[in-house]
């Protein structure tokens, strides 16, 4: 039992470390000329999504993929799409649907607050809601609110509702991966409210 739990914990730490690499998307979007960023991001994201889907159908590709990514995958991702597929799809949709400043903020929250929530939930989590913890969700909300308030730099209370929207998208067990729903919920809340 201990070995299974320690393997799950190790996978989650590696996943969150890898997840932080996703911060390169909003940073590149912020600092690169937009036309260059879009020409780089969308082909690379599409290539990864195609590879992730193809490895589920092509056995030799699946074996290579699993050899490379075995320490990053949850059990359900061995036979289904990886969370990174949803992360890239959510990033792409957020970039397409929302103004640049909102997209950057939503993607930064998705990357950083999801990591904070997972680590807080693992360390401090005592009260479960589905497969999440109240403590992890509180950490997500607080970190999201701080990120949004610092990024936009004014009227901190104005950013609580988008932070809450992202938190609820992360917390509630809906059939769509939260890597897709969180940045969309944040972006949509900004568009509707402001």
C-alpha atoms as a PDB file:
ATOM      1  CA  UNK A   1       0.000   0.000   0.000  1.00  0.00           C
ATOM      2  CA  UNK A   2       2.785   2.422   0.904  1.00  0.00           C
ATOM      3  CA  UNK A   3       4.584   1.815  -2.391  1.00  0.00           C
ATOM      4  CA  UNK A   4       1.442   2.646  -4.374  1.00  0.00           C
ATOM      5  CA  UNK A   5       0.881   5.836  -2.389  1.00  0.00           C
ATOM      6  CA  UNK A   6       4.508   6.920  -2.656  1.00  0.00           C
ATOM      7  CA  UNK A   7       4.440   6.253  -6.432  1.00  0.00           C
ATOM      8  CA  UNK A   8       1.278   8.356  -6.774  1.00  0.00           C
ATOM      9  CA  UNK A   9       2.862  11.174  -4.740  1.00  0.00           C
ATOM     10  CA  UNK A  10       6.063  11.017  -6.809  1.00  0.00           C
ATOM     11  CA  UNK A  11       4.078  11.118 -10.058  1.00  0.00           C
ATOM     12  CA  UNK A  12       2.121  14.123  -8.799  1.00  0.00           C
ATOM     13  CA  UNK A  13       5.276  16.046  -7.885  1.00  0.00           C
ATOM     14  CA  UNK A  14       6.822  15.322 -11.293  1.00  0.00           C
ATOM     15  CA  UNK A  15       3.542  16.295 -12.974  1.00  0.00           C
ATOM     16  CA  UNK A  16       3.424  19.617 -11.143  1.00  0.00           C
ATOM     17  CA  UNK A  17       7.076  20.347 -11.921  1.00  0.00           C
ATOM     18  CA  UNK A  18       6.329  19.630 -15.591  1.00  0.00           C
ATOM     19  CA  UNK A  19       3.098  21.627 -15.318  1.00  0.00           C
ATOM     20  CA  UNK A  20       5.118  24.683 -14.311  1.00  0.00           C
ATOM     21  CA  UNK A  21       6.880  24.454 -17.678  1.00  0.00           C
ATOM     22  CA  UNK A  22       3.513  25.487 -19.093  1.00  0.00           C
ATOM     23  CA  UNK A  23       4.271  28.961 -17.780  1.00  0.00           C
ATOM     24  CA  UNK A  24       6.369  29.409 -20.923  1.00  0.00           C
ATOM     25  CA  UNK A  25       3.109  29.766 -22.901  1.00  0.00           C
ATOM     26  CA  UNK A  26       1.790  32.946 -21.226  1.00  0.00           C
ATOM     27  CA  UNK A  27       5.339  34.331 -20.885  1.00  0.00           C
ATOM     28  CA  UNK A  28       6.077  33.747 -24.574  1.00  0.00           C
ATOM     29  CA  UNK A  29       2.706  35.268 -25.487  1.00  0.00           C
ATOM     30  CA  UNK A  30       3.538  38.288 -23.353  1.00  0.00           C
ATOM     31  CA  UNK A  31       7.070  38.922 -24.619  1.00  0.00           C
ATOM     32  CA  UNK A  32       7.248  37.627 -28.190  1.00  0.00           C
ATOM     33  CA  UNK A  33       5.705  39.547 -31.071  1.00  0.00           C
ATOM     34  CA  UNK A  34       2.189  38.160 -31.367  1.00  0.00           C
ATOM     35  CA  UNK A  35       2.544  36.947 -34.971  1.00  0.00           C
ATOM     36  CA  UNK A  36       5.711  35.000 -34.104  1.00  0.00           C
ATOM     37  CA  UNK A  37       4.151  33.510 -30.976  1.00  0.00           C
ATOM     38  CA  UNK A  38       1.045  32.359 -32.865  1.00  0.00           C
ATOM     39  CA  UNK A  39       3.154  30.833 -35.658  1.00  0.00           C
ATOM     40  CA  UNK A  40       5.117  28.858 -33.070  1.00  0.00           C
ATOM     41  CA  UNK A  41       2.432  27.918 -30.557  1.00  0.00           C
ATOM     42  CA  UNK A  42      -0.369  26.586 -32.730  1.00  0.00           C
ATOM     43  CA  UNK A  43       1.716  24.190 -34.885  1.00  0.00           C
ATOM     44  CA  UNK A  44       3.565  22.865 -31.825  1.00  0.00           C
ATOM     45  CA  UNK A  45       0.319  22.438 -29.863  1.00  0.00           C
ATOM     46  CA  UNK A  46      -1.367  20.727 -32.820  1.00  0.00           C
ATOM     47  CA  UNK A  47       1.608  18.383 -33.262  1.00  0.00           C
ATOM     48  CA  UNK A  48       1.535  17.378 -29.609  1.00  0.00           C
ATOM     49  CA  UNK A  49      -2.234  16.842 -29.634  1.00  0.00           C
ATOM     50  CA  UNK A  50      -1.954  14.668 -32.756  1.00  0.00           C
ATOM     51  CA  UNK A  51       0.876  12.626 -31.198  1.00  0.00           C
ATOM     52  CA  UNK A  52      -1.061  12.187 -27.955  1.00  0.00           C
ATOM     53  CA  UNK A  53      -4.136  10.949 -29.804  1.00  0.00           C
ATOM     54  CA  UNK A  54      -2.108   8.805 -32.230  1.00  0.00           C
ATOM     55  CA  UNK A  55      -0.248   7.014 -29.431  1.00  0.00           C
ATOM     56  CA  UNK A  56      -3.614   5.662 -28.260  1.00  0.00           C
ATOM     57  CA  UNK A  57      -4.109   3.953 -31.646  1.00  0.00           C
ATOM     58  CA  UNK A  58      -0.577   3.149 -32.834  1.00  0.00           C
ATOM     59  CA  UNK A  59       1.031   0.628 -30.489  1.00  0.00           C
ATOM     60  CA  UNK A  60       4.710   1.312 -31.235  1.00  0.00           C
ATOM     61  CA  UNK A  61       4.154   5.063 -30.800  1.00  0.00           C
ATOM     62  CA  UNK A  62       2.280   4.367 -27.567  1.00  0.00           C
ATOM     63  CA  UNK A  63       5.198   2.339 -26.214  1.00  0.00           C
ATOM     64  CA  UNK A  64       7.678   5.137 -26.983  1.00  0.00           C
ATOM     65  CA  UNK A  65       5.345   7.750 -25.502  1.00  0.00           C
ATOM     66  CA  UNK A  66       4.859   5.746 -22.308  1.00  0.00           C
ATOM     67  CA  UNK A  67       8.585   5.154 -21.949  1.00  0.00           C
ATOM     68  CA  UNK A  68       9.219   8.898 -22.117  1.00  0.00           C
ATOM     69  CA  UNK A  69       6.219  10.079 -20.090  1.00  0.00           C
ATOM     70  CA  UNK A  70       5.600   7.259 -17.598  1.00  0.00           C
ATOM     71  CA  UNK A  71       6.563   9.398 -14.580  1.00  0.00           C
ATOM     72  CA  UNK A  72       4.141  12.126 -15.632  1.00  0.00           C
ATOM     73  CA  UNK A  73       0.976  10.154 -16.332  1.00  0.00           C
ATOM     74  CA  UNK A  74      -1.881   9.302 -14.029  1.00  0.00           C
ATOM     75  CA  UNK A  75      -3.345   5.832 -14.395  1.00  0.00           C
ATOM     76  CA  UNK A  76      -6.301   6.989 -16.514  1.00  0.00           C
ATOM     77  CA  UNK A  77      -3.926   8.685 -18.974  1.00  0.00           C
ATOM     78  CA  UNK A  78      -2.336   5.397 -20.009  1.00  0.00           C
ATOM     79  CA  UNK A  79      -5.465   4.523 -21.961  1.00  0.00           C
ATOM     80  CA  UNK A  80      -6.855   8.016 -22.617  1.00  0.00           C
ATOM     81  CA  UNK A  81      -5.696  11.496 -23.563  1.00  0.00           C
ATOM     82  CA  UNK A  82      -3.053  13.077 -21.324  1.00  0.00           C
ATOM     83  CA  UNK A  83      -3.926  16.160 -19.280  1.00  0.00           C
ATOM     84  CA  UNK A  84      -1.351  18.084 -21.323  1.00  0.00           C
ATOM     85  CA  UNK A  85      -3.603  17.634 -24.367  1.00  0.00           C
ATOM     86  CA  UNK A  86      -6.362  19.491 -22.509  1.00  0.00           C
ATOM     87  CA  UNK A  87      -3.844  22.044 -21.267  1.00  0.00           C
ATOM     88  CA  UNK A  88      -2.758  22.849 -24.824  1.00  0.00           C
ATOM     89  CA  UNK A  89      -6.339  22.827 -26.122  1.00  0.00           C
ATOM     90  CA  UNK A  90      -7.422  25.122 -23.279  1.00  0.00           C
ATOM     91  CA  UNK A  91      -4.476  27.418 -23.943  1.00  0.00           C
ATOM     92  CA  UNK A  92      -5.261  27.585 -27.653  1.00  0.00           C
ATOM     93  CA  UNK A  93      -8.951  28.307 -27.108  1.00  0.00           C
ATOM     94  CA  UNK A  94      -8.143  30.940 -24.481  1.00  0.00           C
ATOM     95  CA  UNK A  95      -5.728  32.662 -26.880  1.00  0.00           C
ATOM     96  CA  UNK A  96      -8.294  32.572 -29.698  1.00  0.00           C
ATOM     97  CA  UNK A  97     -11.344  33.646 -27.685  1.00  0.00           C
ATOM     98  CA  UNK A  98     -10.088  36.353 -25.335  1.00  0.00           C
ATOM     99  CA  UNK A  99      -8.097  39.570 -25.537  1.00  0.00           C
ATOM    100  CA  UNK A 100      -4.367  39.060 -25.099  1.00  0.00           C
ATOM    101  CA  UNK A 101      -4.117  40.539 -21.601  1.00  0.00           C
ATOM    102  CA  UNK A 102      -6.966  38.363 -20.282  1.00  0.00           C
ATOM    103  CA  UNK A 103      -5.584  35.252 -21.998  1.00  0.00           C
ATOM    104  CA  UNK A 104      -2.137  35.749 -20.465  1.00  0.00           C
ATOM    105  CA  UNK A 105      -3.627  36.188 -16.985  1.00  0.00           C
ATOM    106  CA  UNK A 106      -5.917  33.163 -17.319  1.00  0.00           C
ATOM    107  CA  UNK A 107      -3.075  30.940 -18.541  1.00  0.00           C
ATOM    108  CA  UNK A 108      -0.760  32.099 -15.758  1.00  0.00           C
ATOM    109  CA  UNK A 109      -3.435  31.282 -13.176  1.00  0.00           C
ATOM    110  CA  UNK A 110      -4.052  27.876 -14.757  1.00  0.00           C
ATOM    111  CA  UNK A 111      -0.369  27.015 -14.511  1.00  0.00           C
ATOM    112  CA  UNK A 112       0.517  28.459 -11.115  1.00  0.00           C
ATOM    113  CA  UNK A 113      -2.689  28.085  -9.111  1.00  0.00           C
ATOM    114  CA  UNK A 114      -3.264  24.499 -10.213  1.00  0.00           C
ATOM    115  CA  UNK A 115       0.212  23.649  -8.938  1.00  0.00           C
ATOM    116  CA  UNK A 116      -0.348  25.520  -5.662  1.00  0.00           C
ATOM    117  CA  UNK A 117      -3.713  23.794  -5.188  1.00  0.00           C
ATOM    118  CA  UNK A 118      -2.281  20.325  -5.797  1.00  0.00           C
ATOM    119  CA  UNK A 119       0.622  20.824  -3.406  1.00  0.00           C
ATOM    120  CA  UNK A 120      -1.583  22.379  -0.706  1.00  0.00           C
ATOM    121  CA  UNK A 121      -4.164  19.638  -1.135  1.00  0.00           C
ATOM    122  CA  UNK A 122      -1.533  16.917  -0.782  1.00  0.00           C
ATOM    123  CA  UNK A 123       0.120  18.498   2.247  1.00  0.00           C
ATOM    124  CA  UNK A 124      -2.805  20.091   4.070  1.00  0.00           C
ATOM    125  CA  UNK A 125      -5.906  18.502   2.578  1.00  0.00           C
ATOM    126  CA  UNK A 126      -8.262  16.996   5.127  1.00  0.00           C
ATOM    127  CA  UNK A 127     -11.725  17.831   3.784  1.00  0.00           C
ATOM    128  CA  UNK A 128     -12.615  16.145   0.490  1.00  0.00           C
ATOM    129  CA  UNK A 129     -14.974  17.314  -2.234  1.00  0.00           C
ATOM    130  CA  UNK A 130     -14.845  14.550  -4.819  1.00  0.00           C
ATOM    131  CA  UNK A 131     -11.152  13.995  -5.581  1.00  0.00           C
ATOM    132  CA  UNK A 132     -10.200  17.561  -4.547  1.00  0.00           C
ATOM    133  CA  UNK A 133      -9.774  19.094  -1.104  1.00  0.00           C
ATOM    134  CA  UNK A 134     -11.227  22.236   0.403  1.00  0.00           C
ATOM    135  CA  UNK A 135      -7.717  23.268   1.434  1.00  0.00           C
ATOM    136  CA  UNK A 136      -6.356  22.838  -2.090  1.00  0.00           C
ATOM    137  CA  UNK A 137      -9.253  24.804  -3.550  1.00  0.00           C
ATOM    138  CA  UNK A 138      -8.730  27.582  -1.002  1.00  0.00           C
ATOM    139  CA  UNK A 139      -5.069  27.713  -2.032  1.00  0.00           C
ATOM    140  CA  UNK A 140      -6.154  27.890  -5.694  1.00  0.00           C
ATOM    141  CA  UNK A 141      -8.554  30.773  -4.949  1.00  0.00           C
ATOM    142  CA  UNK A 142      -6.049  32.792  -2.932  1.00  0.00           C
ATOM    143  CA  UNK A 143      -3.189  32.301  -5.381  1.00  0.00           C
ATOM    144  CA  UNK A 144      -5.429  33.022  -8.394  1.00  0.00           C
ATOM    145  CA  UNK A 145      -6.697  36.215  -6.800  1.00  0.00           C
ATOM    146  CA  UNK A 146      -3.144  37.355  -5.990  1.00  0.00           C
ATOM    147  CA  UNK A 147      -1.896  36.560  -9.509  1.00  0.00           C
ATOM    148  CA  UNK A 148      -4.775  38.429 -11.162  1.00  0.00           C
ATOM    149  CA  UNK A 149      -4.559  41.430  -8.822  1.00  0.00           C
ATOM    150  CA  UNK A 150      -0.786  41.723  -9.274  1.00  0.00           C
ATOM    151  CA  UNK A 151      -0.929  41.176 -13.041  1.00  0.00           C
ATOM    152  CA  UNK A 152      -3.636  43.776 -13.643  1.00  0.00           C
ATOM    153  CA  UNK A 153      -2.240  46.022 -10.908  1.00  0.00           C
ATOM    154  CA  UNK A 154      -5.400  47.832  -9.853  1.00  0.00           C
ATOM    155  CA  UNK A 155      -8.682  47.315  -8.052  1.00  0.00           C
ATOM    156  CA  UNK A 156      -7.839  43.997  -6.371  1.00  0.00           C
ATOM    157  CA  UNK A 157     -11.457  43.270  -5.394  1.00  0.00           C
ATOM    158  CA  UNK A 158     -12.440  43.362  -9.071  1.00  0.00           C
ATOM    159  CA  UNK A 159     -10.409  40.199  -9.680  1.00  0.00           C
ATOM    160  CA  UNK A 160     -12.039  38.055  -7.000  1.00  0.00           C
ATOM    161  CA  UNK A 161     -14.925  36.859  -9.223  1.00  0.00           C
ATOM    162  CA  UNK A 162     -12.623  35.642 -12.055  1.00  0.00           C
ATOM    163  CA  UNK A 163     -10.430  33.921  -9.435  1.00  0.00           C
ATOM    164  CA  UNK A 164     -13.547  32.291  -7.978  1.00  0.00           C
ATOM    165  CA  UNK A 165     -14.719  31.228 -11.456  1.00  0.00           C
ATOM    166  CA  UNK A 166     -11.371  29.524 -12.061  1.00  0.00           C
ATOM    167  CA  UNK A 167     -11.526  27.881  -8.632  1.00  0.00           C
ATOM    168  CA  UNK A 168     -15.001  26.489  -9.240  1.00  0.00           C
ATOM    169  CA  UNK A 169     -13.954  25.184 -12.669  1.00  0.00           C
ATOM    170  CA  UNK A 170     -11.027  23.427 -10.979  1.00  0.00           C
ATOM    171  CA  UNK A 171     -13.046  22.125  -8.026  1.00  0.00           C
ATOM    172  CA  UNK A 172     -16.217  20.661  -9.485  1.00  0.00           C
ATOM    173  CA  UNK A 173     -16.020  17.212 -11.035  1.00  0.00           C
ATOM    174  CA  UNK A 174     -17.323  17.755 -14.532  1.00  0.00           C
ATOM    175  CA  UNK A 175     -16.444  15.351 -17.336  1.00  0.00           C
ATOM    176  CA  UNK A 176     -14.113  17.859 -19.024  1.00  0.00           C
ATOM    177  CA  UNK A 177     -10.537  18.156 -17.715  1.00  0.00           C
ATOM    178  CA  UNK A 178      -9.919  21.295 -15.630  1.00  0.00           C
ATOM    179  CA  UNK A 179      -6.870  22.139 -17.744  1.00  0.00           C
ATOM    180  CA  UNK A 180      -9.405  23.059 -20.417  1.00  0.00           C
ATOM    181  CA  UNK A 181     -12.100  24.650 -18.262  1.00  0.00           C
ATOM    182  CA  UNK A 182     -10.098  26.810 -15.829  1.00  0.00           C
ATOM    183  CA  UNK A 183      -8.614  29.349 -18.271  1.00  0.00           C
ATOM    184  CA  UNK A 184     -11.893  29.484 -20.200  1.00  0.00           C
ATOM    185  CA  UNK A 185     -13.880  30.145 -17.007  1.00  0.00           C
ATOM    186  CA  UNK A 186     -11.511  32.947 -15.994  1.00  0.00           C
ATOM    187  CA  UNK A 187     -11.515  34.522 -19.453  1.00  0.00           C
ATOM    188  CA  UNK A 188     -15.282  34.272 -19.762  1.00  0.00           C
ATOM    189  CA  UNK A 189     -15.837  35.853 -16.347  1.00  0.00           C
ATOM    190  CA  UNK A 190     -13.683  38.847 -17.335  1.00  0.00           C
ATOM    191  CA  UNK A 191     -15.530  39.252 -20.636  1.00  0.00           C
ATOM    192  CA  UNK A 192     -18.962  39.025 -18.980  1.00  0.00           C
ATOM    193  CA  UNK A 193     -18.200  41.210 -15.963  1.00  0.00           C
ATOM    194  CA  UNK A 194     -15.874  43.826 -17.427  1.00  0.00           C
END
